[in-house]
Amino acid sequence: MRAAVVTRFGGPEVFELAELPDPVPGPGQVAIDVSYAAVGLIDIYIRQGLYKDRPGLPQPPYVPGLEVAGTIRALGDGVAGFAVSEPVVTLSGTGAEGGYASVMVADAALTVSLDGTGIGPAAAVAAVPNAATAYAALTEVAHLKPGERVLVNGALGGLASAFPGVARTLGAASVTGTARRSSLAAARASALPYDEVIASEDLLETLGGQRFDVVIDPVGGQVRTDSLQVMAPLGRMLLVGNASGDWQHTVATNDLWLRSLAIAGFSSGYYFPAHPGQAQPAALGAINAISQGLVDIRTQVFPLAEAAQAQRRLETGPVAGRILLAPLLGPWAGDRARWRDRAWSGHAARQCARVGGRERLGERWRLREGRAAQVEHV
């Protein structure tokens, strides 16, 4: 297989392209021919060495990438419910043998079939893992109830942008987003279902006396501090990232009990492997939001050979939506890419027979993928 390998901890220049043996799925695993792999901040943090002493996380040399969409290549022992060539997407929680490659091995429990969903591979890897994370976080940790008010920081971010749509499906009364002034116009112009988007620099002044039951914070730093001031009694804040890069941020914990507030961290990469039974319900919740047009995520697609440039683009942000890598764009395109296109089309044709005609399915496929993601090849 072709892979982008992190050879040592450091900057984007540590990537090297390599030809590696095709991985073979073990018991309970599937091998996937990768169409698209998502690039996430966690990939950058691990590559930078921020987690180099944390047990269970990869050490160089390794292939990064937690989330991919593609087609089933092979099944490991004991795996049922999937077929070779079936279109799938993975949720976060896989190991060092990651997605920046033409073939990936993933746990079957964290792999979701796309057959019959009408969601194509680029839209799937851009939207499903993050929306599934949002669903699990809101239902299992924040315990969002119908009628509650939600605040989402970093409104246009890849993960943050999945929360408003999922919150709507769960009955949120209102969803407010925050974004930096430089991104405010784009956030307000997006199709994401926010009631309003405000400048994060003016959070306290703009919101005034408004109070929120659930706050989603992937940003950290001063935005996190300010958000605590607009939480309602018994409000819950979910920490789902640290895009600000402020690793020294602290919270005055006495304020939490005085004001009856709760703060909880949530990482899908740790949650889903520990609770594999929650992966499929979360994925169904994600697909429900996507099918209603509530997850509008734009993507930028780089060839796998440009993994360093893709991470550098995310690292120097801001980025609206998600950055993807395509193993079969650029110098590695060719016969195998054409074969994979035929495999995906074959599944579409089989689903077409179930719903009443090739033309009808093709139209539904294009409409839903177009609504879920705008794909820009870089």
Protein backbone atom coordinates (compact mmCIF):
# COMPACT_ATOMS: atom_id res chain seq x y z
CA MET A 1 0.00 0.00 0.00
CA ARG A 2 0.97 3.66 -0.36
CA ALA A 3 1.24 5.58 2.88
CA ALA A 4 2.32 8.92 4.32
CA VAL A 5 4.56 8.04 7.27
CA VAL A 6 5.52 10.21 10.26
CA THR A 7 9.21 9.38 10.61
CA ARG A 8 9.83 11.34 13.84
CA PHE A 9 8.10 13.88 16.05
CA GLY A 10 8.27 17.41 14.69
CA GLY A 11 6.86 19.68 12.00
CA PRO A 12 5.11 18.71 8.76
CA GLU A 13 8.48 18.07 7.14
CA VAL A 14 8.73 14.75 9.03
CA PHE A 15 6.37 13.09 6.54
CA GLU A 16 7.80 10.62 4.05
CA LEU A 17 5.92 8.70 1.37
CA ALA A 18 6.42 4.95 1.46
CA GLU A 19 5.31 1.68 -0.09
CA LEU A 20 4.37 -0.66 2.77
CA PRO A 21 2.97 -4.20 2.90
CA ASP A 22 -0.81 -4.29 2.70
CA PRO A 23 -2.19 -4.72 6.24
CA VAL A 24 -4.25 -7.84 6.91
CA PRO A 25 -7.29 -7.61 9.18
CA GLY A 26 -7.18 -9.61 12.39
CA PRO A 27 -10.16 -11.04 14.27
CA GLY A 28 -12.94 -8.46 14.59
CA GLN A 29 -11.32 -6.16 12.02
CA VAL A 30 -11.88 -5.10 8.42
CA ALA A 31 -9.46 -3.91 5.75
CA ILE A 32 -10.63 -0.87 3.79
CA ASP A 33 -9.57 0.46 0.40
CA VAL A 34 -9.39 4.14 1.31
CA SER A 35 -11.11 6.74 -0.87
CA TYR A 36 -10.68 9.66 1.55
CA ALA A 37 -9.00 10.14 4.92
CA ALA A 38 -9.82 13.03 7.25
CA VAL A 39 -7.07 15.26 8.60
CA GLY A 40 -7.67 16.30 12.21
CA LEU A 41 -5.99 18.46 14.83
CA ILE A 42 -5.36 15.34 16.90
CA ASP A 43 -3.17 14.05 14.03
CA ILE A 44 -1.12 17.25 14.31
CA TYR A 45 -0.83 17.12 18.10
CA ILE A 46 0.42 13.53 17.98
CA ARG A 47 2.87 14.33 15.15
CA GLN A 48 4.21 17.32 17.12
CA GLY A 49 4.98 15.01 20.05
CA LEU A 50 2.54 16.60 22.49
CA TYR A 51 1.35 13.11 23.52
CA LYS A 52 4.59 11.22 23.04
CA ASP A 53 4.63 9.96 26.64
CA ARG A 54 0.98 8.88 26.72
CA PRO A 55 0.57 5.07 26.68
CA GLY A 56 -1.29 3.61 23.73
CA LEU A 57 -0.57 6.45 21.30
CA PRO A 58 1.71 5.87 18.32
CA GLN A 59 5.47 6.32 18.25
CA PRO A 60 7.39 7.06 15.03
CA PRO A 61 7.50 5.66 12.50
CA TYR A 62 3.74 5.39 12.12
CA VAL A 63 0.90 6.12 9.70
CA PRO A 64 -1.50 8.72 11.16
CA GLY A 65 -5.20 9.13 10.45
CA LEU A 66 -8.21 8.06 12.50
CA GLU A 67 -11.14 8.38 10.08
CA VAL A 68 -11.54 7.12 6.52
CA ALA A 69 -14.22 6.34 3.98
CA GLY A 70 -13.82 3.71 1.32
CA THR A 71 -14.87 0.18 0.44
CA ILE A 72 -14.41 -3.09 2.29
CA ARG A 73 -11.34 -4.92 0.99
CA ALA A 74 -11.26 -7.95 3.32
CA LEU A 75 -12.92 -9.25 6.48
CA GLY A 76 -11.16 -10.59 9.55
CA ASP A 77 -12.27 -13.69 11.43
CA GLY A 78 -15.58 -13.34 13.20
CA VAL A 79 -16.74 -10.26 11.27
CA ALA A 80 -20.33 -10.40 10.05
CA GLY A 81 -22.65 -7.82 8.57
CA PHE A 82 -20.22 -6.48 5.94
CA ALA A 83 -19.45 -7.52 2.37
CA VAL A 84 -16.39 -6.99 0.20
CA SER A 85 -16.72 -3.75 -1.84
CA GLU A 86 -19.36 -2.37 0.55
CA PRO A 87 -18.98 1.41 1.11
CA VAL A 88 -18.12 2.29 4.70
CA VAL A 89 -16.83 5.03 6.98
CA THR A 90 -14.90 4.62 10.23
CA LEU A 91 -15.32 6.41 13.54
CA SER A 92 -12.41 7.59 15.68
CA GLY A 93 -10.69 5.04 17.82
CA THR A 94 -8.28 3.17 15.58
CA GLY A 95 -4.60 2.65 16.27
CA ALA A 96 -1.30 3.71 14.76
CA GLU A 97 -1.91 1.80 11.53
CA GLY A 98 -3.94 4.71 10.30
CA GLY A 99 -5.81 6.27 7.46
CA TYR A 100 -3.13 8.23 5.57
CA ALA A 101 -2.75 5.24 3.29
CA SER A 102 -4.40 3.45 0.39
CA VAL A 103 -5.41 0.59 2.72
CA MET A 104 -6.42 0.79 6.36
CA VAL A 105 -7.36 -1.80 8.98
CA ALA A 106 -10.10 -0.79 11.42
CA ASP A 107 -12.18 -2.39 14.14
CA ALA A 108 -15.43 -3.66 12.65
CA ALA A 109 -17.32 -2.33 15.69
CA LEU A 110 -16.22 1.20 14.75
CA THR A 111 -16.98 0.81 11.04
CA VAL A 112 -20.31 1.99 9.66
CA SER A 113 -21.95 0.86 6.42
CA LEU A 114 -22.97 3.60 3.99
CA ASP A 115 -24.92 1.24 1.77
CA GLY A 116 -28.31 2.78 1.09
CA THR A 117 -27.65 6.03 2.94
CA GLY A 118 -27.15 8.19 -0.14
CA ILE A 119 -23.97 9.64 1.37
CA GLY A 120 -20.84 9.52 -0.78
CA PRO A 121 -17.34 8.89 0.58
CA ALA A 122 -16.09 12.50 0.78
CA ALA A 123 -19.22 13.71 2.55
CA ALA A 124 -19.19 10.63 4.79
CA VAL A 125 -15.69 11.02 6.19
CA ALA A 126 -16.17 14.78 6.46
CA ALA A 127 -19.44 14.55 8.35
CA VAL A 128 -20.25 11.16 9.89
CA PRO A 129 -17.37 10.76 12.44
CA ASN A 130 -17.78 14.30 13.79
CA ALA A 131 -21.57 14.12 13.85
CA ALA A 132 -21.36 10.74 15.62
CA THR A 133 -19.01 12.33 18.15
CA ALA A 134 -21.50 15.17 18.64
CA TYR A 135 -24.36 12.71 19.11
CA ALA A 136 -22.51 10.62 21.70
CA ALA A 137 -21.24 13.71 23.53
CA LEU A 138 -24.67 15.36 23.69
CA THR A 139 -26.59 12.23 24.67
CA GLU A 140 -24.17 10.29 26.86
CA VAL A 141 -22.22 13.09 28.58
CA ALA A 142 -24.06 16.42 28.34
CA HIS A 143 -27.48 14.71 28.53
CA LEU A 144 -29.06 17.42 26.39
CA LYS A 145 -32.79 17.69 27.00
CA PRO A 146 -35.45 19.08 24.64
CA GLY A 147 -35.91 22.80 25.14
CA GLU A 148 -32.37 23.49 26.37
CA ARG A 149 -30.11 26.21 24.95
CA VAL A 150 -26.72 25.37 23.44
CA LEU A 151 -23.59 27.47 22.82
CA VAL A 152 -20.96 26.17 20.36
CA ASN A 153 -17.51 27.79 20.25
CA GLY A 154 -15.46 27.71 17.05
CA ALA A 155 -18.69 27.55 15.07
CA LEU A 156 -17.16 26.64 11.70
CA GLY A 157 -14.60 24.10 12.87
CA GLY A 158 -14.77 20.55 11.56
CA LEU A 159 -15.97 19.07 14.87
CA ALA A 160 -17.84 22.10 16.21
CA SER A 161 -19.89 22.47 13.03
CA ALA A 162 -21.46 19.03 13.60
CA PHE A 163 -22.98 20.01 16.94
CA PRO A 164 -25.75 22.46 15.91
CA GLY A 165 -27.42 20.03 13.52
CA VAL A 166 -27.28 17.11 15.94
CA ALA A 167 -28.51 19.34 18.78
CA ARG A 168 -31.50 20.30 16.60
CA THR A 169 -32.43 16.65 16.09
CA LEU A 170 -32.33 16.22 19.89
CA GLY A 171 -34.73 19.09 20.50
CA ALA A 172 -32.47 22.01 21.42
CA ALA A 173 -34.50 25.22 21.71
CA SER A 174 -31.69 27.40 20.35
CA VAL A 175 -28.10 27.07 19.20
CA THR A 176 -25.69 30.02 19.25
CA GLY A 177 -22.23 29.87 17.72
CA THR A 178 -19.06 31.88 18.32
CA ALA A 179 -16.27 32.53 15.82
CA ARG A 180 -13.28 34.81 15.56
CA ARG A 181 -13.97 38.16 13.92
CA SER A 182 -11.94 37.08 10.90
CA SER A 183 -14.30 34.10 10.36
CA LEU A 184 -17.54 35.77 11.44
CA ALA A 185 -18.88 36.63 7.98
CA ALA A 186 -18.27 33.09 6.70
CA ALA A 187 -19.89 31.56 9.78
CA ARG A 188 -22.98 33.74 9.43
CA ALA A 189 -23.23 32.94 5.72
CA SER A 190 -22.99 29.17 6.24
CA ALA A 191 -25.97 26.85 6.05
CA LEU A 192 -25.33 25.54 9.55
CA PRO A 193 -28.48 25.73 11.73
CA TYR A 194 -27.33 28.40 14.21
CA ASP A 195 -29.82 30.95 15.48
CA GLU A 196 -26.98 33.45 15.56
CA VAL A 197 -23.19 33.53 15.38
CA ILE A 198 -21.28 36.14 17.38
CA ALA A 199 -17.65 37.22 17.62
CA SER A 200 -15.87 35.21 20.30
CA GLU A 201 -13.83 38.29 21.24
CA ASP A 202 -17.10 40.02 22.21
CA LEU A 203 -18.80 37.01 23.80
CA LEU A 204 -19.58 38.53 27.20
CA GLU A 205 -20.64 41.92 25.87
CA THR A 206 -22.85 40.48 23.11
CA LEU A 207 -24.62 37.79 25.10
CA GLY A 208 -25.29 39.98 28.10
CA GLY A 209 -27.77 38.22 30.36
CA GLN A 210 -28.29 35.17 28.12
CA ARG A 211 -27.58 31.82 29.76
CA PHE A 212 -26.91 28.40 28.22
CA ASP A 213 -27.57 24.89 29.48
CA VAL A 214 -24.88 23.20 27.36
CA VAL A 215 -21.61 24.73 26.09
CA ILE A 216 -19.46 22.93 23.51
CA ASP A 217 -15.87 24.15 23.63
CA PRO A 218 -13.20 22.87 21.22
CA VAL A 219 -11.30 26.18 21.49
CA GLY A 220 -10.00 26.62 25.04
CA GLY A 221 -8.13 29.60 26.45
CA GLN A 222 -9.97 32.87 27.04
CA VAL A 223 -13.04 31.69 25.12
CA ARG A 224 -13.43 28.85 27.62
CA THR A 225 -13.11 31.24 30.55
CA ASP A 226 -15.69 33.65 29.09
CA SER A 227 -18.10 30.81 28.28
CA LEU A 228 -18.23 29.77 31.93
CA GLN A 229 -19.74 33.18 32.71
CA VAL A 230 -22.78 32.60 30.46
CA MET A 231 -23.75 29.16 31.75
CA ALA A 232 -27.07 28.59 33.47
CA PRO A 233 -27.28 26.86 36.88
CA LEU A 234 -26.76 23.12 36.32
CA GLY A 235 -25.14 23.99 32.99
CA ARG A 236 -22.73 21.48 31.44
CA MET A 237 -19.61 22.39 29.47
CA LEU A 238 -18.08 19.79 27.16
CA LEU A 239 -14.36 20.17 26.44
CA VAL A 240 -13.77 18.58 23.03
CA GLY A 241 -10.50 20.17 21.91
CA ASN A 242 -7.94 22.93 22.40
CA ALA A 243 -7.68 24.77 19.08
CA SER A 244 -6.34 27.86 20.84
CA GLY A 245 -3.17 25.98 21.73
CA ASP A 246 -3.35 27.30 25.31
CA TRP A 247 -2.19 24.20 27.16
CA GLN A 248 -1.73 26.05 30.45
CA HIS A 249 -5.34 27.18 30.78
CA THR A 250 -6.90 26.61 34.21
CA VAL A 251 -10.37 26.91 35.73
CA ALA A 252 -11.27 28.20 39.19
CA THR A 253 -12.97 25.05 40.43
CA ASN A 254 -14.62 26.75 43.39
CA ASP A 255 -16.76 28.67 40.90
CA LEU A 256 -18.18 25.38 39.70
CA TRP A 257 -19.77 24.34 42.98
CA LEU A 258 -20.76 27.87 43.88
CA ARG A 259 -22.69 28.23 40.61
CA SER A 260 -23.75 24.56 40.20
CA LEU A 261 -21.81 24.02 36.98
CA ALA A 262 -20.19 20.93 35.48
CA ILE A 263 -17.24 20.52 33.11
CA ALA A 264 -16.54 17.23 31.34
CA GLY A 265 -14.03 16.24 28.71
CA PHE A 266 -14.99 14.07 25.75
CA SER A 267 -12.72 12.31 23.27
CA SER A 268 -14.33 9.93 20.79
CA GLY A 269 -10.97 8.23 20.27
CA TYR A 270 -11.12 6.97 23.84
CA TYR A 271 -14.90 6.78 24.26
CA PHE A 272 -15.91 4.55 21.34
CA PRO A 273 -13.25 1.85 21.89
CA ALA A 274 -14.32 1.68 25.55
CA HIS A 275 -18.03 1.68 24.63
CA PRO A 276 -18.20 -0.03 21.22
CA GLY A 277 -21.92 -0.62 21.63
CA GLN A 278 -22.49 3.13 21.35
CA ALA A 279 -20.78 3.47 17.95
CA GLN A 280 -23.68 2.31 15.79
CA PRO A 281 -26.38 4.36 17.61
CA ALA A 282 -24.14 7.42 17.36
CA ALA A 283 -23.58 6.80 13.64
CA LEU A 284 -27.33 6.45 13.07
CA GLY A 285 -27.87 9.74 14.91
CA ALA A 286 -25.21 11.32 12.68
CA ILE A 287 -26.75 10.00 9.47
CA ASN A 288 -30.16 11.25 10.61
CA ALA A 289 -28.81 14.80 10.98
CA ILE A 290 -26.94 14.61 7.68
CA SER A 291 -29.99 13.29 5.81
CA GLN A 292 -32.00 16.28 7.08
CA GLY A 293 -29.43 18.66 5.62
CA LEU A 294 -28.35 19.86 9.08
CA VAL A 295 -24.63 19.09 8.68
CA ASP A 296 -23.22 21.39 6.00
CA ILE A 297 -19.47 20.71 5.96
CA ARG A 298 -17.20 22.02 3.24
CA THR A 299 -14.08 20.06 2.41
CA GLN A 300 -10.69 20.65 0.82
CA VAL A 301 -9.10 17.59 -0.75
CA PHE A 302 -5.34 17.08 -1.07
CA PRO A 303 -3.57 14.12 -2.70
CA LEU A 304 -2.05 11.73 -0.16
CA ALA A 305 1.38 12.74 -1.47
CA GLU A 306 0.67 16.22 -0.05
CA ALA A 307 -0.08 15.09 3.52
CA ALA A 308 2.48 17.55 4.89
CA GLN A 309 0.85 20.46 3.05
CA ALA A 310 -2.61 19.35 4.22
CA GLN A 311 -1.53 19.31 7.87
CA ARG A 312 0.27 22.62 7.45
CA ARG A 313 -2.95 24.14 6.07
CA LEU A 314 -4.89 22.98 9.13
CA GLU A 315 -2.10 23.96 11.50
CA THR A 316 -2.02 27.55 10.25
CA GLY A 317 -5.91 27.74 9.99
CA PRO A 318 -8.59 28.78 10.32
CA VAL A 319 -10.24 26.17 8.10
CA ALA A 320 -13.98 26.03 7.45
CA GLY A 321 -15.06 22.40 7.36
CA ARG A 322 -12.64 19.51 6.92
CA ILE A 323 -9.43 18.76 5.08
CA LEU A 324 -9.28 15.36 3.38
CA LEU A 325 -6.54 13.27 1.79
CA ALA A 326 -7.26 11.21 -1.31
CA PRO A 327 -4.77 8.34 -1.80
CA LEU A 328 -5.70 7.99 -5.45
CA LEU A 329 -5.36 11.60 -6.50
CA GLY A 330 -2.16 12.84 -8.06
CA PRO A 331 0.80 10.57 -8.85
CA TRP A 332 -0.84 7.43 -7.42
CA ALA A 333 -3.96 7.58 -9.56
CA GLY A 334 -4.44 4.97 -12.24
CA ASP A 335 -5.98 1.57 -12.80
CA ARG A 336 -6.65 0.94 -9.13
CA ALA A 337 -8.51 4.26 -8.83
CA ARG A 338 -10.69 3.34 -11.81
CA TRP A 339 -11.35 -0.08 -10.27
CA ARG A 340 -12.38 1.53 -6.98
CA ASP A 341 -14.75 3.88 -8.77
CA ARG A 342 -16.36 0.86 -10.39
CA ALA A 343 -16.64 -0.88 -7.02
CA TRP A 344 -18.42 2.09 -5.47
CA SER A 345 -20.65 2.45 -8.55
CA GLY A 346 -21.47 -1.24 -8.34
CA HIS A 347 -22.84 -0.79 -4.84
CA ALA A 348 -24.81 2.23 -6.02
CA ALA A 349 -26.29 0.15 -8.83
CA ARG A 350 -27.33 -2.63 -6.44
CA GLN A 351 -28.97 -0.11 -4.14
CA CYS A 352 -30.61 1.42 -7.22
CA ALA A 353 -32.45 -1.83 -7.85
CA ARG A 354 -33.85 -1.67 -4.32
CA VAL A 355 -35.23 1.85 -4.58
CA GLY A 356 -36.50 1.74 -8.15
CA GLY A 357 -34.05 2.72 -10.82
CA ARG A 358 -30.51 3.90 -11.54
CA GLU A 359 -31.57 7.44 -12.45
CA ARG A 360 -33.54 7.95 -9.24
CA LEU A 361 -30.69 6.75 -7.02
CA GLY A 362 -28.10 8.80 -8.86
CA GLU A 363 -30.15 11.94 -8.33
CA ARG A 364 -30.66 11.22 -4.62
CA TRP A 365 -26.95 10.44 -4.19
CA ARG A 366 -25.87 13.71 -5.80
CA LEU A 367 -28.42 15.81 -3.94
CA ARG A 368 -27.51 14.50 -0.52
CA GLU A 369 -23.77 14.64 -1.03
CA GLY A 370 -24.07 18.14 -2.43
CA ARG A 371 -26.09 19.21 0.58
CA ALA A 372 -23.76 17.61 3.08
CA ALA A 373 -20.45 18.81 1.71
CA GLN A 374 -18.95 21.07 -0.90
CA VAL A 375 -15.79 19.33 -2.11
CA GLU A 376 -12.87 21.47 -3.23
CA HIS A 377 -9.84 19.70 -4.70
CA VAL A 378 -6.65 21.56 -3.85
